Amino acid sequence: MATVSAELTDHHRRCRELFAQVEEFVRASDWPAFNTGLVTLREEILGHFRFEEERLFPVYEEISGLRDGTQELRMQHDDIRAILWALSSASAAHDPDSCRTEFETLALLFRQHTETEEGLMYPAFERTLGPRVAELAAQARQDMRALDVRGLEPPEPFMRIMQALTQSPDKPLRVLIHREPFPLYDVLAEQGFGHRARALEDGSIEIVIERAAR
């Protein structure tokens, strides 16, 4: 049986891979690549936090009866978010030393946070959630599925989105793109897909695509 802890642990792994990529940009002092990589890393982490705070933590607190059972994890989320936003608003090219220090702190906090979750809290969630485990695992799989096509030249974003939908047409697809792809919306409607779009803090667009209700 699929477990929510397995899904979220796998997403931790993907985030660590992104950390490693951004760390290489820091070492090379490639600040344009650093800024681009940081946006991708930030959205992955924030999406992970949203799932935990909006779906997983409330269910755990309700079933366990521990109203403050995830307070420490939420505080760690806040600390990590604060550094993410500080890095996003900083000019790495003009103050590289500060950005290096902030990024090292971010990586350390994220590693400590994931070790706490994977070693202590996720096993506690599994013991407590009972039959809700499979349901939350499916939700995690859907919420964590993202396709980042920001910065790609046409028609590459369109081709990648349609390929992802062809491979898994019945699963919601979260797309990160640098501007709204209005021609894509017409094609999606013709093929029976609906979409929801929202602007992100960095000016890019998040689009959730899923089968339209019949």
C-alpha atoms as a PDB file:
ATOM      1  CA  MET A   1       0.000   0.000   0.000  1.00  0.00           C
ATOM      2  CA  ALA A   2       1.252   3.455  -0.918  1.00  0.00           C
ATOM      3  CA  THR A   3       2.032   5.635   2.073  1.00  0.00           C
ATOM      4  CA  VAL A   4       2.018   9.393   2.439  1.00  0.00           C
ATOM      5  CA  SER A   5       5.415   9.295   4.144  1.00  0.00           C
ATOM      6  CA  ALA A   6       6.914   7.501   1.126  1.00  0.00           C
ATOM      7  CA  GLU A   7       5.519  10.138  -1.241  1.00  0.00           C
ATOM      8  CA  LEU A   8       6.761  13.041   0.863  1.00  0.00           C
ATOM      9  CA  THR A   9      10.134  11.428   1.505  1.00  0.00           C
ATOM     10  CA  ASP A  10      10.541  11.039  -2.249  1.00  0.00           C
ATOM     11  CA  HIS A  11       9.731  14.721  -2.671  1.00  0.00           C
ATOM     12  CA  HIS A  12      12.372  15.555  -0.052  1.00  0.00           C
ATOM     13  CA  ARG A  13      14.807  13.665  -2.272  1.00  0.00           C
ATOM     14  CA  ARG A  14      13.822  15.737  -5.307  1.00  0.00           C
ATOM     15  CA  CYS A  15      14.292  18.929  -3.308  1.00  0.00           C
ATOM     16  CA  ARG A  16      17.747  17.784  -2.217  1.00  0.00           C
ATOM     17  CA  GLU A  17      18.647  17.208  -5.868  1.00  0.00           C
ATOM     18  CA  LEU A  18      17.595  20.784  -6.633  1.00  0.00           C
ATOM     19  CA  PHE A  19      19.664  22.012  -3.687  1.00  0.00           C
ATOM     20  CA  ALA A  20      22.694  20.242  -5.177  1.00  0.00           C
ATOM     21  CA  GLN A  21      22.120  21.899  -8.546  1.00  0.00           C
ATOM     22  CA  VAL A  22      21.797  25.378  -7.048  1.00  0.00           C
ATOM     23  CA  GLU A  23      24.858  24.752  -4.892  1.00  0.00           C
ATOM     24  CA  GLU A  24      26.866  24.146  -8.068  1.00  0.00           C
ATOM     25  CA  PHE A  25      25.725  27.536  -9.388  1.00  0.00           C
ATOM     26  CA  VAL A  26      26.856  29.148  -6.129  1.00  0.00           C
ATOM     27  CA  ARG A  27      30.277  27.509  -6.368  1.00  0.00           C
ATOM     28  CA  ALA A  28      30.628  28.709  -9.959  1.00  0.00           C
ATOM     29  CA  SER A  29      29.349  32.204  -9.079  1.00  0.00           C
ATOM     30  CA  ASP A  30      26.816  31.781 -11.885  1.00  0.00           C
ATOM     31  CA  TRP A  31      24.252  34.164 -10.425  1.00  0.00           C
ATOM     32  CA  PRO A  32      21.740  34.206 -13.324  1.00  0.00           C
ATOM     33  CA  ALA A  33      21.566  30.404 -13.122  1.00  0.00           C
ATOM     34  CA  PHE A  34      21.404  30.668  -9.327  1.00  0.00           C
ATOM     35  CA  ASN A  35      18.367  32.957  -9.534  1.00  0.00           C
ATOM     36  CA  THR A  36      16.596  30.643 -11.975  1.00  0.00           C
ATOM     37  CA  GLY A  37      17.402  27.542  -9.938  1.00  0.00           C
ATOM     38  CA  LEU A  38      16.323  29.222  -6.724  1.00  0.00           C
ATOM     39  CA  VAL A  39      12.866  29.949  -8.164  1.00  0.00           C
ATOM     40  CA  THR A  40      12.395  26.275  -9.045  1.00  0.00           C
ATOM     41  CA  LEU A  41      13.676  25.138  -5.647  1.00  0.00           C
ATOM     42  CA  ARG A  42      11.487  27.657  -3.811  1.00  0.00           C
ATOM     43  CA  GLU A  43       8.295  26.593  -5.568  1.00  0.00           C
ATOM     44  CA  GLU A  44       9.023  22.914  -4.911  1.00  0.00           C
ATOM     45  CA  ILE A  45       9.587  23.567  -1.206  1.00  0.00           C
ATOM     46  CA  LEU A  46       6.566  25.856  -0.863  1.00  0.00           C
ATOM     47  CA  GLY A  47       4.353  23.325  -2.649  1.00  0.00           C
ATOM     48  CA  HIS A  48       5.567  20.649  -0.236  1.00  0.00           C
ATOM     49  CA  PHE A  49       4.816  22.880   2.750  1.00  0.00           C
ATOM     50  CA  ARG A  50       1.347  23.722   1.404  1.00  0.00           C
ATOM     51  CA  PHE A  51       0.444  20.055   1.175  1.00  0.00           C
ATOM     52  CA  GLU A  52       1.609  19.341   4.708  1.00  0.00           C
ATOM     53  CA  GLU A  53      -0.022  22.406   6.253  1.00  0.00           C
ATOM     54  CA  GLU A  54      -3.315  22.275   4.345  1.00  0.00           C
ATOM     55  CA  ARG A  55      -3.879  18.514   4.050  1.00  0.00           C
ATOM     56  CA  LEU A  56      -1.625  16.345   6.204  1.00  0.00           C
ATOM     57  CA  PHE A  57      -1.184  18.284   9.454  1.00  0.00           C
ATOM     58  CA  PRO A  58      -4.903  19.073  10.009  1.00  0.00           C
ATOM     59  CA  VAL A  59      -5.873  15.409   9.532  1.00  0.00           C
ATOM     60  CA  TYR A  60      -3.162  14.262  11.928  1.00  0.00           C
ATOM     61  CA  GLU A  61      -4.156  16.821  14.566  1.00  0.00           C
ATOM     62  CA  GLU A  62      -7.840  15.889  14.241  1.00  0.00           C
ATOM     63  CA  ILE A  63      -7.302  12.132  14.515  1.00  0.00           C
ATOM     64  CA  SER A  64      -4.625  12.289  17.214  1.00  0.00           C
ATOM     65  CA  GLY A  65      -6.372  14.974  19.246  1.00  0.00           C
ATOM     66  CA  LEU A  66      -3.063  16.868  19.480  1.00  0.00           C
ATOM     67  CA  ARG A  67      -4.061  20.388  18.468  1.00  0.00           C
ATOM     68  CA  ASP A  68      -0.445  21.574  18.645  1.00  0.00           C
ATOM     69  CA  GLY A  69       1.021  18.311  17.399  1.00  0.00           C
ATOM     70  CA  THR A  70       2.660  19.895  14.349  1.00  0.00           C
ATOM     71  CA  GLN A  71       3.488  23.310  15.798  1.00  0.00           C
ATOM     72  CA  GLU A  72       7.248  22.714  15.769  1.00  0.00           C
ATOM     73  CA  LEU A  73       7.180  21.614  12.126  1.00  0.00           C
ATOM     74  CA  ARG A  74       5.122  24.676  11.172  1.00  0.00           C
ATOM     75  CA  MET A  75       7.658  26.924  12.910  1.00  0.00           C
ATOM     76  CA  GLN A  76      10.446  25.260  10.957  1.00  0.00           C
ATOM     77  CA  HIS A  77       8.482  25.881   7.763  1.00  0.00           C
ATOM     78  CA  ASP A  78       8.237  29.573   8.673  1.00  0.00           C
ATOM     79  CA  ASP A  79      11.988  29.806   9.260  1.00  0.00           C
ATOM     80  CA  ILE A  80      12.742  28.203   5.900  1.00  0.00           C
ATOM     81  CA  ARG A  81      10.179  30.379   4.094  1.00  0.00           C
ATOM     82  CA  ALA A  82      11.753  33.523   5.576  1.00  0.00           C
ATOM     83  CA  ILE A  83      15.163  32.633   4.136  1.00  0.00           C
ATOM     84  CA  LEU A  84      13.661  31.696   0.773  1.00  0.00           C
ATOM     85  CA  TRP A  85      11.995  35.093   0.453  1.00  0.00           C
ATOM     86  CA  ALA A  86      15.127  36.892   1.657  1.00  0.00           C
ATOM     87  CA  LEU A  87      17.197  35.140  -1.010  1.00  0.00           C
ATOM     88  CA  SER A  88      14.563  35.830  -3.657  1.00  0.00           C
ATOM     89  CA  SER A  89      14.656  39.573  -2.968  1.00  0.00           C
ATOM     90  CA  ALA A  90      18.456  39.818  -2.669  1.00  0.00           C
ATOM     91  CA  SER A  91      20.862  40.666  -5.469  1.00  0.00           C
ATOM     92  CA  ALA A  92      23.267  37.756  -5.562  1.00  0.00           C
ATOM     93  CA  ALA A  93      25.491  39.398  -8.157  1.00  0.00           C
ATOM     94  CA  HIS A  94      25.967  42.505  -5.978  1.00  0.00           C
ATOM     95  CA  ASP A  95      26.288  40.729  -2.616  1.00  0.00           C
ATOM     96  CA  PRO A  96      27.479  37.179  -3.338  1.00  0.00           C
ATOM     97  CA  ASP A  97      28.957  36.538   0.113  1.00  0.00           C
ATOM     98  CA  SER A  98      25.666  37.198   1.887  1.00  0.00           C
ATOM     99  CA  CYS A  99      23.772  35.022  -0.599  1.00  0.00           C
ATOM    100  CA  ARG A 100      26.257  32.183  -0.111  1.00  0.00           C
ATOM    101  CA  THR A 101      25.825  32.409   3.646  1.00  0.00           C
ATOM    102  CA  GLU A 102      22.024  32.559   3.423  1.00  0.00           C
ATOM    103  CA  PHE A 103      21.926  29.624   1.017  1.00  0.00           C
ATOM    104  CA  GLU A 104      24.154  27.533   3.292  1.00  0.00           C
ATOM    105  CA  THR A 105      21.828  28.322   6.212  1.00  0.00           C
ATOM    106  CA  LEU A 106      18.814  27.395   4.082  1.00  0.00           C
ATOM    107  CA  ALA A 107      20.355  24.059   3.099  1.00  0.00           C
ATOM    108  CA  LEU A 108      21.221  23.275   6.721  1.00  0.00           C
ATOM    109  CA  LEU A 109      17.727  24.109   8.026  1.00  0.00           C
ATOM    110  CA  PHE A 110      16.059  22.091   5.268  1.00  0.00           C
ATOM    111  CA  ARG A 111      18.283  19.076   5.959  1.00  0.00           C
ATOM    112  CA  GLN A 112      17.570  19.220   9.688  1.00  0.00           C
ATOM    113  CA  HIS A 113      13.852  19.653   9.032  1.00  0.00           C
ATOM    114  CA  THR A 114      13.617  16.676   6.671  1.00  0.00           C
ATOM    115  CA  GLU A 115      15.593  14.491   9.070  1.00  0.00           C
ATOM    116  CA  THR A 116      13.088  15.313  11.814  1.00  0.00           C
ATOM    117  CA  GLU A 117      10.126  14.584   9.562  1.00  0.00           C
ATOM    118  CA  GLU A 118      11.468  11.360   8.097  1.00  0.00           C
ATOM    119  CA  GLY A 119      12.917  10.023  11.336  1.00  0.00           C
ATOM    120  CA  LEU A 120      10.209  10.991  13.822  1.00  0.00           C
ATOM    121  CA  MET A 121       7.074  12.628  12.485  1.00  0.00           C
ATOM    122  CA  TYR A 122       6.295  10.645   9.351  1.00  0.00           C
ATOM    123  CA  PRO A 123       6.329   7.322  11.261  1.00  0.00           C
ATOM    124  CA  ALA A 124       4.024   8.929  13.850  1.00  0.00           C
ATOM    125  CA  PHE A 125       1.696  10.067  11.079  1.00  0.00           C
ATOM    126  CA  GLU A 126       1.578   6.562   9.601  1.00  0.00           C
ATOM    127  CA  ARG A 127       0.713   5.004  12.983  1.00  0.00           C
ATOM    128  CA  THR A 128      -2.039   7.557  13.603  1.00  0.00           C
ATOM    129  CA  LEU A 129      -3.692   8.049  10.216  1.00  0.00           C
ATOM    130  CA  GLY A 130      -4.805   4.451   9.704  1.00  0.00           C
ATOM    131  CA  PRO A 131      -7.038   4.083   6.620  1.00  0.00           C
ATOM    132  CA  ARG A 132      -6.467   7.727   5.654  1.00  0.00           C
ATOM    133  CA  VAL A 133      -2.863   6.876   4.669  1.00  0.00           C
ATOM    134  CA  ALA A 134      -3.699   5.716   1.135  1.00  0.00           C
ATOM    135  CA  GLU A 135      -5.995   8.678   0.498  1.00  0.00           C
ATOM    136  CA  LEU A 136      -3.373  11.201   1.599  1.00  0.00           C
ATOM    137  CA  ALA A 137      -0.686   9.377  -0.380  1.00  0.00           C
ATOM    138  CA  ALA A 138      -2.771   9.797  -3.542  1.00  0.00           C
ATOM    139  CA  GLN A 139      -3.291  13.481  -2.763  1.00  0.00           C
ATOM    140  CA  ALA A 140       0.445  13.955  -2.183  1.00  0.00           C
ATOM    141  CA  ARG A 141       1.234  12.247  -5.485  1.00  0.00           C
ATOM    142  CA  GLN A 142      -1.120  14.623  -7.306  1.00  0.00           C
ATOM    143  CA  ASP A 143      -0.084  17.788  -5.485  1.00  0.00           C
ATOM    144  CA  MET A 144       3.639  17.119  -5.894  1.00  0.00           C
ATOM    145  CA  ARG A 145       3.446  16.367  -9.634  1.00  0.00           C
ATOM    146  CA  ALA A 146       4.809  19.506 -11.295  1.00  0.00           C
ATOM    147  CA  LEU A 147       6.196  20.359 -14.726  1.00  0.00           C
ATOM    148  CA  ASP A 148       8.501  23.380 -14.885  1.00  0.00           C
ATOM    149  CA  VAL A 149       8.713  24.872 -18.396  1.00  0.00           C
ATOM    150  CA  ARG A 150       9.758  28.385 -17.423  1.00  0.00           C
ATOM    151  CA  GLY A 151      12.262  29.947 -19.792  1.00  0.00           C
ATOM    152  CA  LEU A 152      11.801  27.372 -22.561  1.00  0.00           C
ATOM    153  CA  GLU A 153      11.299  28.700 -26.087  1.00  0.00           C
ATOM    154  CA  PRO A 154       8.087  27.895 -28.017  1.00  0.00           C
ATOM    155  CA  PRO A 155       6.925  25.335 -28.921  1.00  0.00           C
ATOM    156  CA  GLU A 156       8.830  23.425 -26.204  1.00  0.00           C
ATOM    157  CA  PRO A 157       6.473  24.315 -23.294  1.00  0.00           C
ATOM    158  CA  PHE A 158       3.405  23.274 -25.297  1.00  0.00           C
ATOM    159  CA  MET A 159       5.020  20.010 -26.399  1.00  0.00           C
ATOM    160  CA  ARG A 160       6.126  19.061 -22.879  1.00  0.00           C
ATOM    161  CA  ILE A 161       2.738  19.843 -21.367  1.00  0.00           C
ATOM    162  CA  MET A 162       0.856  17.819 -23.974  1.00  0.00           C
ATOM    163  CA  GLN A 163       3.324  14.938 -23.601  1.00  0.00           C
ATOM    164  CA  ALA A 164       2.791  14.879 -19.828  1.00  0.00           C
ATOM    165  CA  LEU A 165      -0.986  14.922 -20.284  1.00  0.00           C
ATOM    166  CA  THR A 166      -0.797  12.117 -22.842  1.00  0.00           C
ATOM    167  CA  GLN A 167       1.239   9.953 -20.468  1.00  0.00           C
ATOM    168  CA  SER A 168      -1.089  10.484 -17.481  1.00  0.00           C
ATOM    169  CA  PRO A 169      -4.327  12.066 -18.729  1.00  0.00           C
ATOM    170  CA  ASP A 170      -6.377  11.280 -15.628  1.00  0.00           C
ATOM    171  CA  LYS A 171      -3.952  12.805 -13.097  1.00  0.00           C
ATOM    172  CA  PRO A 172      -3.910  16.548 -12.364  1.00  0.00           C
ATOM    173  CA  LEU A 173      -0.813  18.272 -13.735  1.00  0.00           C
ATOM    174  CA  ARG A 174       0.726  21.340 -12.072  1.00  0.00           C
ATOM    175  CA  VAL A 175       2.639  23.486 -14.561  1.00  0.00           C
ATOM    176  CA  LEU A 176       5.050  26.333 -13.802  1.00  0.00           C
ATOM    177  CA  ILE A 177       5.442  28.675 -16.784  1.00  0.00           C
ATOM    178  CA  HIS A 178       6.802  32.186 -17.321  1.00  0.00           C
ATOM    179  CA  ARG A 179       3.604  33.610 -18.880  1.00  0.00           C
ATOM    180  CA  GLU A 180       0.030  32.529 -19.471  1.00  0.00           C
ATOM    181  CA  PRO A 181      -0.175  30.264 -22.554  1.00  0.00           C
ATOM    182  CA  PHE A 182      -3.550  31.427 -23.873  1.00  0.00           C
ATOM    183  CA  PRO A 183      -3.418  29.342 -27.114  1.00  0.00           C
ATOM    184  CA  LEU A 184      -2.838  26.255 -24.936  1.00  0.00           C
ATOM    185  CA  TYR A 185      -6.102  26.889 -23.083  1.00  0.00           C
ATOM    186  CA  ASP A 186      -8.092  26.503 -26.315  1.00  0.00           C
ATOM    187  CA  VAL A 187      -6.384  23.191 -27.079  1.00  0.00           C
ATOM    188  CA  LEU A 188      -6.992  21.938 -23.539  1.00  0.00           C
ATOM    189  CA  ALA A 189     -10.697  22.768 -23.786  1.00  0.00           C
ATOM    190  CA  GLU A 190     -10.962  20.972 -27.140  1.00  0.00           C
ATOM    191  CA  GLN A 191      -9.388  17.852 -25.617  1.00  0.00           C
ATOM    192  CA  GLY A 192     -11.557  17.828 -22.509  1.00  0.00           C
ATOM    193  CA  PHE A 193      -9.251  19.437 -19.961  1.00  0.00           C
ATOM    194  CA  GLY A 194      -9.985  22.275 -17.587  1.00  0.00           C
ATOM    195  CA  HIS A 195      -7.421  24.541 -15.980  1.00  0.00           C
ATOM    196  CA  ARG A 196      -6.869  26.938 -13.062  1.00  0.00           C
ATOM    197  CA  ALA A 197      -4.142  29.582 -13.213  1.00  0.00           C
ATOM    198  CA  ARG A 198      -2.635  31.886 -10.618  1.00  0.00           C
ATOM    199  CA  ALA A 199       0.274  34.320 -10.560  1.00  0.00           C
ATOM    200  CA  LEU A 200       3.257  33.493  -8.341  1.00  0.00           C
ATOM    201  CA  GLU A 201       5.370  35.965  -6.405  1.00  0.00           C
ATOM    202  CA  ASP A 202       8.166  35.964  -8.991  1.00  0.00           C
ATOM    203  CA  GLY A 203       5.767  36.833 -11.840  1.00  0.00           C
ATOM    204  CA  SER A 204       5.536  33.337 -13.309  1.00  0.00           C
ATOM    205  CA  ILE A 205       2.274  31.408 -13.570  1.00  0.00           C
ATOM    206  CA  GLU A 206       1.119  28.197 -11.891  1.00  0.00           C
ATOM    207  CA  ILE A 207      -1.477  26.254 -13.877  1.00  0.00           C
ATOM    208  CA  VAL A 208      -3.319  23.182 -12.619  1.00  0.00           C
ATOM    209  CA  ILE A 209      -4.669  21.077 -15.503  1.00  0.00           C
ATOM    210  CA  GLU A 210      -7.128  18.228 -15.022  1.00  0.00           C
ATOM    211  CA  ARG A 211      -9.878  16.384 -16.804  1.00  0.00           C
ATOM    212  CA  ALA A 212     -13.033  18.495 -17.084  1.00  0.00           C
ATOM    213  CA  ALA A 213     -16.076  17.158 -15.272  1.00  0.00           C
ATOM    214  CA  ARG A 214     -18.360  15.169 -17.541  1.00  0.00           C
END
